[in-house]
Amino acid sequence: MNIINSFLSRHPWIYVVLAFLALITAWSSLISIAVKHTPQVIEVRK
């Protein structure tokens, strides 16, 4: 565990990369769920 802690303390930008990966994963999953469950199209007549 000490090796991992020393590695992360020397490379703190890895936390930023992991945060962006988590953000991209969350957005892509939300978008794919929204595309699968699109609402029904209702025509509006004038």
PDB file of N, CA and C in Angstrom:
ATOM      1  N   MET A   1       0.835  -1.200   0.000  1.00  0.00           N
ATOM      2  CA  MET A   1       0.000   0.000   0.000  1.00  0.00           C
ATOM      3  C   MET A   1       0.870   1.250   0.000  1.00  0.00           C
ATOM      4  N   ASN A   2       2.051   1.159   0.571  1.00  0.00           N
ATOM      5  CA  ASN A   2       2.941   2.307   0.627  1.00  0.00           C
ATOM      6  C   ASN A   2       3.434   2.692  -0.761  1.00  0.00           C
ATOM      7  N   ILE A   3       3.627   1.694  -1.633  1.00  0.00           N
ATOM      8  CA  ILE A   3       4.083   1.977  -3.001  1.00  0.00           C
ATOM      9  C   ILE A   3       3.013   2.740  -3.761  1.00  0.00           C
ATOM     10  N   ILE A   4       1.760   2.353  -3.592  1.00  0.00           N
ATOM     11  CA  ILE A   4       0.651   3.032  -4.281  1.00  0.00           C
ATOM     12  C   ILE A   4       0.520   4.464  -3.782  1.00  0.00           C
ATOM     13  N   ASN A   5       0.603   4.663  -2.484  1.00  0.00           N
ATOM     14  CA  ASN A   5       0.490   6.007  -1.922  1.00  0.00           C
ATOM     15  C   ASN A   5       1.624   6.905  -2.386  1.00  0.00           C
ATOM     16  N   SER A   6       2.839   6.378  -2.462  1.00  0.00           N
ATOM     17  CA  SER A   6       3.964   7.201  -2.908  1.00  0.00           C
ATOM     18  C   SER A   6       3.839   7.511  -4.394  1.00  0.00           C
ATOM     19  N   PHE A   7       3.325   6.545  -5.169  1.00  0.00           N
ATOM     20  CA  PHE A   7       3.133   6.790  -6.603  1.00  0.00           C
ATOM     21  C   PHE A   7       2.092   7.872  -6.822  1.00  0.00           C
ATOM     22  N   LEU A   8       0.970   7.800  -6.106  1.00  0.00           N
ATOM     23  CA  LEU A   8      -0.089   8.798  -6.269  1.00  0.00           C
ATOM     24  C   LEU A   8       0.322  10.165  -5.738  1.00  0.00           C
ATOM     25  N   SER A   9       1.161  10.200  -4.721  1.00  0.00           N
ATOM     26  CA  SER A   9       1.623  11.490  -4.211  1.00  0.00           C
ATOM     27  C   SER A   9       2.599  12.153  -5.181  1.00  0.00           C
ATOM     28  N   ARG A  10       3.311  11.340  -5.975  1.00  0.00           N
ATOM     29  CA  ARG A  10       4.212  11.903  -6.982  1.00  0.00           C
ATOM     30  C   ARG A  10       3.481  12.294  -8.258  1.00  0.00           C
ATOM     31  N   HIS A  11       2.312  11.696  -8.518  1.00  0.00           N
ATOM     32  CA  HIS A  11       1.536  11.958  -9.732  1.00  0.00           C
ATOM     33  C   HIS A  11       0.094  12.321  -9.382  1.00  0.00           C
ATOM     34  N   PRO A  12      -0.143  13.511  -8.842  1.00  0.00           N
ATOM     35  CA  PRO A  12      -1.516  13.852  -8.435  1.00  0.00           C
ATOM     36  C   PRO A  12      -2.467  14.078  -9.609  1.00  0.00           C
ATOM     37  N   TRP A  13      -1.955  14.249 -10.828  1.00  0.00           N
ATOM     38  CA  TRP A  13      -2.814  14.459 -11.988  1.00  0.00           C
ATOM     39  C   TRP A  13      -3.618  13.219 -12.331  1.00  0.00           C
ATOM     40  N   ILE A  14      -3.225  12.060 -11.787  1.00  0.00           N
ATOM     41  CA  ILE A  14      -3.975  10.827 -12.048  1.00  0.00           C
ATOM     42  C   ILE A  14      -5.391  10.932 -11.485  1.00  0.00           C
ATOM     43  N   TYR A  15      -5.544  11.650 -10.363  1.00  0.00           N
ATOM     44  CA  TYR A  15      -6.883  11.863  -9.813  1.00  0.00           C
ATOM     45  C   TYR A  15      -7.758  12.654 -10.780  1.00  0.00           C
ATOM     46  N   VAL A  16      -7.176  13.626 -11.457  1.00  0.00           N
ATOM     47  CA  VAL A  16      -7.926  14.430 -12.425  1.00  0.00           C
ATOM     48  C   VAL A  16      -8.344  13.573 -13.616  1.00  0.00           C
ATOM     49  N   VAL A  17      -7.445  12.738 -14.102  1.00  0.00           N
ATOM     50  CA  VAL A  17      -7.760  11.849 -15.220  1.00  0.00           C
ATOM     51  C   VAL A  17      -8.859  10.872 -14.824  1.00  0.00           C
ATOM     52  N   LEU A  18      -8.775  10.312 -13.643  1.00  0.00           N
ATOM     53  CA  LEU A  18      -9.811   9.383 -13.182  1.00  0.00           C
ATOM     54  C   LEU A  18     -11.159  10.075 -13.014  1.00  0.00           C
ATOM     55  N   ALA A  19     -11.135  11.329 -12.554  1.00  0.00           N
ATOM     56  CA  ALA A  19     -12.387  12.073 -12.412  1.00  0.00           C
ATOM     57  C   ALA A  19     -13.017  12.334 -13.772  1.00  0.00           C
ATOM     58  N   PHE A  20     -12.204  12.707 -14.765  1.00  0.00           N
ATOM     59  CA  PHE A  20     -12.749  12.924 -16.100  1.00  0.00           C
ATOM     60  C   PHE A  20     -13.264  11.626 -16.723  1.00  0.00           C
ATOM     61  N   LEU A  21     -12.587  10.525 -16.482  1.00  0.00           N
ATOM     62  CA  LEU A  21     -13.078   9.249 -16.987  1.00  0.00           C
ATOM     63  C   LEU A  21     -14.420   8.877 -16.353  1.00  0.00           C
ATOM     64  N   ALA A  22     -14.557   9.132 -15.060  1.00  0.00           N
ATOM     65  CA  ALA A  22     -15.836   8.862 -14.395  1.00  0.00           C
ATOM     66  C   ALA A  22     -16.930   9.770 -14.943  1.00  0.00           C
ATOM     67  N   LEU A  23     -16.591  11.029 -15.213  1.00  0.00           N
ATOM     68  CA  LEU A  23     -17.570  11.970 -15.758  1.00  0.00           C
ATOM     69  C   LEU A  23     -18.000  11.567 -17.157  1.00  0.00           C
ATOM     70  N   ILE A  24     -17.052  11.183 -17.999  1.00  0.00           N
ATOM     71  CA  ILE A  24     -17.380  10.754 -19.361  1.00  0.00           C
ATOM     72  C   ILE A  24     -18.216   9.486 -19.333  1.00  0.00           C
ATOM     73  N   THR A  25     -17.901   8.564 -18.435  1.00  0.00           N
ATOM     74  CA  THR A  25     -18.683   7.333 -18.315  1.00  0.00           C
ATOM     75  C   THR A  25     -20.115   7.625 -17.877  1.00  0.00           C
ATOM     76  N   ALA A  26     -20.274   8.519 -16.924  1.00  0.00           N
ATOM     77  CA  ALA A  26     -21.616   8.863 -16.448  1.00  0.00           C
ATOM     78  C   ALA A  26     -22.432   9.538 -17.545  1.00  0.00           C
ATOM     79  N   TRP A  27     -21.827  10.496 -18.257  1.00  0.00           N
ATOM     80  CA  TRP A  27     -22.547  11.182 -19.330  1.00  0.00           C
ATOM     81  C   TRP A  27     -22.915  10.224 -20.450  1.00  0.00           C
ATOM     82  N   SER A  28     -21.993   9.358 -20.854  1.00  0.00           N
ATOM     83  CA  SER A  28     -22.292   8.439 -21.956  1.00  0.00           C
ATOM     84  C   SER A  28     -23.384   7.446 -21.576  1.00  0.00           C
ATOM     85  N   SER A  29     -23.385   6.995 -20.335  1.00  0.00           N
ATOM     86  CA  SER A  29     -24.451   6.077 -19.925  1.00  0.00           C
ATOM     87  C   SER A  29     -25.796   6.793 -19.853  1.00  0.00           C
ATOM     88  N   LEU A  30     -25.811   8.028 -19.359  1.00  0.00           N
ATOM     89  CA  LEU A  30     -27.075   8.776 -19.320  1.00  0.00           C
ATOM     90  C   LEU A  30     -27.601   9.064 -20.721  1.00  0.00           C
ATOM     91  N   ILE A  31     -26.715   9.412 -21.641  1.00  0.00           N
ATOM     92  CA  ILE A  31     -27.140   9.692 -23.015  1.00  0.00           C
ATOM     93  C   ILE A  31     -27.644   8.428 -23.698  1.00  0.00           C
ATOM     94  N   SER A  32     -26.970   7.300 -23.476  1.00  0.00           N
ATOM     95  CA  SER A  32     -27.435   6.059 -24.100  1.00  0.00           C
ATOM     96  C   SER A  32     -28.788   5.623 -23.533  1.00  0.00           C
ATOM     97  N   ILE A  33     -29.022   5.822 -22.246  1.00  0.00           N
ATOM     98  CA  ILE A  33     -30.329   5.504 -21.658  1.00  0.00           C
ATOM     99  C   ILE A  33     -31.395   6.432 -22.218  1.00  0.00           C
ATOM    100  N   ALA A  34     -31.067   7.714 -22.387  1.00  0.00           N
ATOM    101  CA  ALA A  34     -32.041   8.669 -22.932  1.00  0.00           C
ATOM    102  C   ALA A  34     -32.376   8.358 -24.378  1.00  0.00           C
ATOM    103  N   VAL A  35     -31.412   7.894 -25.153  1.00  0.00           N
ATOM    104  CA  VAL A  35     -31.673   7.550 -26.554  1.00  0.00           C
ATOM    105  C   VAL A  35     -32.557   6.311 -26.638  1.00  0.00           C
ATOM    106  N   LYS A  36     -32.347   5.346 -25.761  1.00  0.00           N
ATOM    107  CA  LYS A  36     -33.154   4.127 -25.779  1.00  0.00           C
ATOM    108  C   LYS A  36     -34.600   4.391 -25.358  1.00  0.00           C
ATOM    109  N   HIS A  37     -34.827   5.382 -24.503  1.00  0.00           N
ATOM    110  CA  HIS A  37     -36.152   5.650 -23.962  1.00  0.00           C
ATOM    111  C   HIS A  37     -36.643   7.036 -24.395  1.00  0.00           C
ATOM    112  N   THR A  38     -36.625   7.266 -25.702  1.00  0.00           N
ATOM    113  CA  THR A  38     -37.082   8.565 -26.196  1.00  0.00           C
ATOM    114  C   THR A  38     -38.600   8.667 -26.065  1.00  0.00           C
ATOM    115  N   PRO A  39     -39.114   9.865 -25.820  1.00  0.00           N
ATOM    116  CA  PRO A  39     -40.573  10.015 -25.731  1.00  0.00           C
ATOM    117  C   PRO A  39     -41.229   9.890 -27.102  1.00  0.00           C
ATOM    118  N   GLN A  40     -42.506   9.588 -27.086  1.00  0.00           N
ATOM    119  CA  GLN A  40     -43.252   9.429 -28.328  1.00  0.00           C
ATOM    120  C   GLN A  40     -43.449  10.794 -28.981  1.00  0.00           C
ATOM    121  N   VAL A  41     -43.298  10.827 -30.310  1.00  0.00           N
ATOM    122  CA  VAL A  41     -43.454  12.070 -31.051  1.00  0.00           C
ATOM    123  C   VAL A  41     -44.946  12.345 -31.247  1.00  0.00           C
ATOM    124  N   ILE A  42     -45.367  13.561 -30.917  1.00  0.00           N
ATOM    125  CA  ILE A  42     -46.764  13.969 -31.056  1.00  0.00           C
ATOM    126  C   ILE A  42     -46.813  15.115 -32.055  1.00  0.00           C
ATOM    127  N   GLU A  43     -47.598  14.947 -33.112  1.00  0.00           N
ATOM    128  CA  GLU A  43     -47.712  16.003 -34.112  1.00  0.00           C
ATOM    129  C   GLU A  43     -48.638  17.102 -33.618  1.00  0.00           C
ATOM    130  N   VAL A  44     -48.256  18.339 -33.865  1.00  0.00           N
ATOM    131  CA  VAL A  44     -49.069  19.482 -33.493  1.00  0.00           C
ATOM    132  C   VAL A  44     -49.613  20.086 -34.772  1.00  0.00           C
ATOM    133  N   ARG A  45     -50.936  20.103 -34.907  1.00  0.00           N
ATOM    134  CA  ARG A  45     -51.573  20.659 -36.102  1.00  0.00           C
ATOM    135  C   ARG A  45     -52.043  22.056 -35.833  1.00  0.00           C
ATOM    136  N   LYS A  46     -51.914  22.883 -36.857  1.00  0.00           N
ATOM    137  CA  LYS A  46     -52.376  24.272 -36.710  1.00  0.00           C
ATOM    138  C   LYS A  46     -53.690  24.469 -37.391  1.00  0.00           C
TER     139      LYS A  46
END
